[in-house]
């Protein structure tokens, strides 16, 4: 098994253990956060870009993106 494949498997396994689910429609991993007794919701998304790097994004359910960062070594909580 080559290093890039094993890293990919490890990242996907880590995402699953952190509560992310794969969204086949958007081709990304997502988990939902809520606050104010469920009145406000935020999606935390992890997606592999065309350049091969993973991005972590925070967005509203309507798609409004308000935070993004490149994930270098691991998916952080």
C-alpha atoms as a PDB file:
ATOM      1  CA  UNK A   1       0.000   0.000   0.000  1.00  0.00           C
ATOM      2  CA  UNK A   2       1.505   3.367  -0.950  1.00  0.00           C
ATOM      3  CA  UNK A   3       1.717   6.305   1.460  1.00  0.00           C
ATOM      4  CA  UNK A   4      -0.905   8.512  -0.223  1.00  0.00           C
ATOM      5  CA  UNK A   5      -3.489   5.709  -0.278  1.00  0.00           C
ATOM      6  CA  UNK A   6      -2.901   4.777   3.363  1.00  0.00           C
ATOM      7  CA  UNK A   7      -3.125   8.456   4.351  1.00  0.00           C
ATOM      8  CA  UNK A   8      -6.436   8.745   2.474  1.00  0.00           C
ATOM      9  CA  UNK A   9      -7.830   5.669   4.252  1.00  0.00           C
ATOM     10  CA  UNK A  10      -6.682   7.058   7.622  1.00  0.00           C
ATOM     11  CA  UNK A  11      -8.294  10.460   7.003  1.00  0.00           C
ATOM     12  CA  UNK A  12     -11.616   8.895   5.983  1.00  0.00           C
ATOM     13  CA  UNK A  13     -11.588   6.594   9.030  1.00  0.00           C
ATOM     14  CA  UNK A  14     -10.821   9.569  11.290  1.00  0.00           C
ATOM     15  CA  UNK A  15     -13.685  11.566   9.788  1.00  0.00           C
ATOM     16  CA  UNK A  16     -16.097   8.696  10.485  1.00  0.00           C
ATOM     17  CA  UNK A  17     -14.950   8.415  14.107  1.00  0.00           C
ATOM     18  CA  UNK A  18     -15.503  12.178  14.553  1.00  0.00           C
ATOM     19  CA  UNK A  19     -19.123  11.913  13.415  1.00  0.00           C
ATOM     20  CA  UNK A  20     -18.822  13.009   9.792  1.00  0.00           C
ATOM     21  CA  UNK A  21     -20.980  11.307   7.174  1.00  0.00           C
ATOM     22  CA  UNK A  22     -20.193  11.165   3.476  1.00  0.00           C
ATOM     23  CA  UNK A  23     -22.569  13.237   1.321  1.00  0.00           C
ATOM     24  CA  UNK A  24     -22.622  11.497  -2.077  1.00  0.00           C
ATOM     25  CA  UNK A  25     -24.419  14.399  -3.747  1.00  0.00           C
ATOM     26  CA  UNK A  26     -21.746  16.967  -2.853  1.00  0.00           C
ATOM     27  CA  UNK A  27     -18.815  14.499  -2.632  1.00  0.00           C
ATOM     28  CA  UNK A  28     -17.704  15.706   0.788  1.00  0.00           C
ATOM     29  CA  UNK A  29     -17.810  14.692   4.442  1.00  0.00           C
ATOM     30  CA  UNK A  30     -20.158  16.661   6.682  1.00  0.00           C
ATOM     31  CA  UNK A  31     -21.367  16.922  10.263  1.00  0.00           C
ATOM     32  CA  UNK A  32     -23.953  19.316  11.638  1.00  0.00           C
ATOM     33  CA  UNK A  33     -23.694  21.543  14.688  1.00  0.00           C
ATOM     34  CA  UNK A  34     -26.573  23.360  16.334  1.00  0.00           C
ATOM     35  CA  UNK A  35     -26.876  26.083  18.961  1.00  0.00           C
ATOM     36  CA  UNK A  36     -29.596  28.139  20.656  1.00  0.00           C
ATOM     37  CA  UNK A  37     -31.588  25.005  21.454  1.00  0.00           C
ATOM     38  CA  UNK A  38     -31.402  23.844  17.824  1.00  0.00           C
ATOM     39  CA  UNK A  39     -32.543  27.153  16.317  1.00  0.00           C
ATOM     40  CA  UNK A  40     -29.244  27.768  14.493  1.00  0.00           C
ATOM     41  CA  UNK A  41     -27.399  25.141  12.483  1.00  0.00           C
ATOM     42  CA  UNK A  42     -23.904  25.082  10.989  1.00  0.00           C
ATOM     43  CA  UNK A  43     -22.390  22.482   8.670  1.00  0.00           C
ATOM     44  CA  UNK A  44     -18.764  21.490   9.163  1.00  0.00           C
ATOM     45  CA  UNK A  45     -17.498  20.098   5.867  1.00  0.00           C
ATOM     46  CA  UNK A  46     -14.273  18.297   4.956  1.00  0.00           C
ATOM     47  CA  UNK A  47     -13.546  17.973   1.249  1.00  0.00           C
ATOM     48  CA  UNK A  48     -10.584  16.953  -0.863  1.00  0.00           C
ATOM     49  CA  UNK A  49      -9.835  19.623  -3.458  1.00  0.00           C
ATOM     50  CA  UNK A  50      -8.715  19.160  -7.042  1.00  0.00           C
ATOM     51  CA  UNK A  51      -5.142  19.848  -5.886  1.00  0.00           C
ATOM     52  CA  UNK A  52      -5.312  16.841  -3.525  1.00  0.00           C
ATOM     53  CA  UNK A  53      -5.365  18.896  -0.332  1.00  0.00           C
ATOM     54  CA  UNK A  54      -8.145  18.574   2.221  1.00  0.00           C
ATOM     55  CA  UNK A  55     -10.165  21.659   3.147  1.00  0.00           C
ATOM     56  CA  UNK A  56     -12.264  22.173   6.266  1.00  0.00           C
ATOM     57  CA  UNK A  57     -15.176  24.568   5.783  1.00  0.00           C
ATOM     58  CA  UNK A  58     -17.905  25.961   7.989  1.00  0.00           C
ATOM     59  CA  UNK A  59     -21.131  26.992   6.305  1.00  0.00           C
ATOM     60  CA  UNK A  60     -24.781  27.635   6.932  1.00  0.00           C
ATOM     61  CA  UNK A  61     -27.282  25.065   5.600  1.00  0.00           C
ATOM     62  CA  UNK A  62     -28.146  27.493   2.755  1.00  0.00           C
ATOM     63  CA  UNK A  63     -24.546  27.229   1.506  1.00  0.00           C
ATOM     64  CA  UNK A  64     -23.185  30.516   2.899  1.00  0.00           C
ATOM     65  CA  UNK A  65     -19.484  29.776   3.512  1.00  0.00           C
ATOM     66  CA  UNK A  66     -17.970  31.734   6.407  1.00  0.00           C
ATOM     67  CA  UNK A  67     -14.750  29.851   7.219  1.00  0.00           C
ATOM     68  CA  UNK A  68     -12.258  27.654   5.361  1.00  0.00           C
ATOM     69  CA  UNK A  69      -8.790  26.284   6.040  1.00  0.00           C
ATOM     70  CA  UNK A  70      -6.425  23.766   4.477  1.00  0.00           C
ATOM     71  CA  UNK A  71      -5.931  20.666   6.595  1.00  0.00           C
ATOM     72  CA  UNK A  72      -2.251  19.796   6.621  1.00  0.00           C
ATOM     73  CA  UNK A  73      -1.701  16.863   8.946  1.00  0.00           C
ATOM     74  CA  UNK A  74      -4.992  15.844  10.500  1.00  0.00           C
ATOM     75  CA  UNK A  75      -8.649  16.696  10.756  1.00  0.00           C
ATOM     76  CA  UNK A  76      -9.018  18.791  13.902  1.00  0.00           C
ATOM     77  CA  UNK A  77     -12.102  19.008  16.072  1.00  0.00           C
END
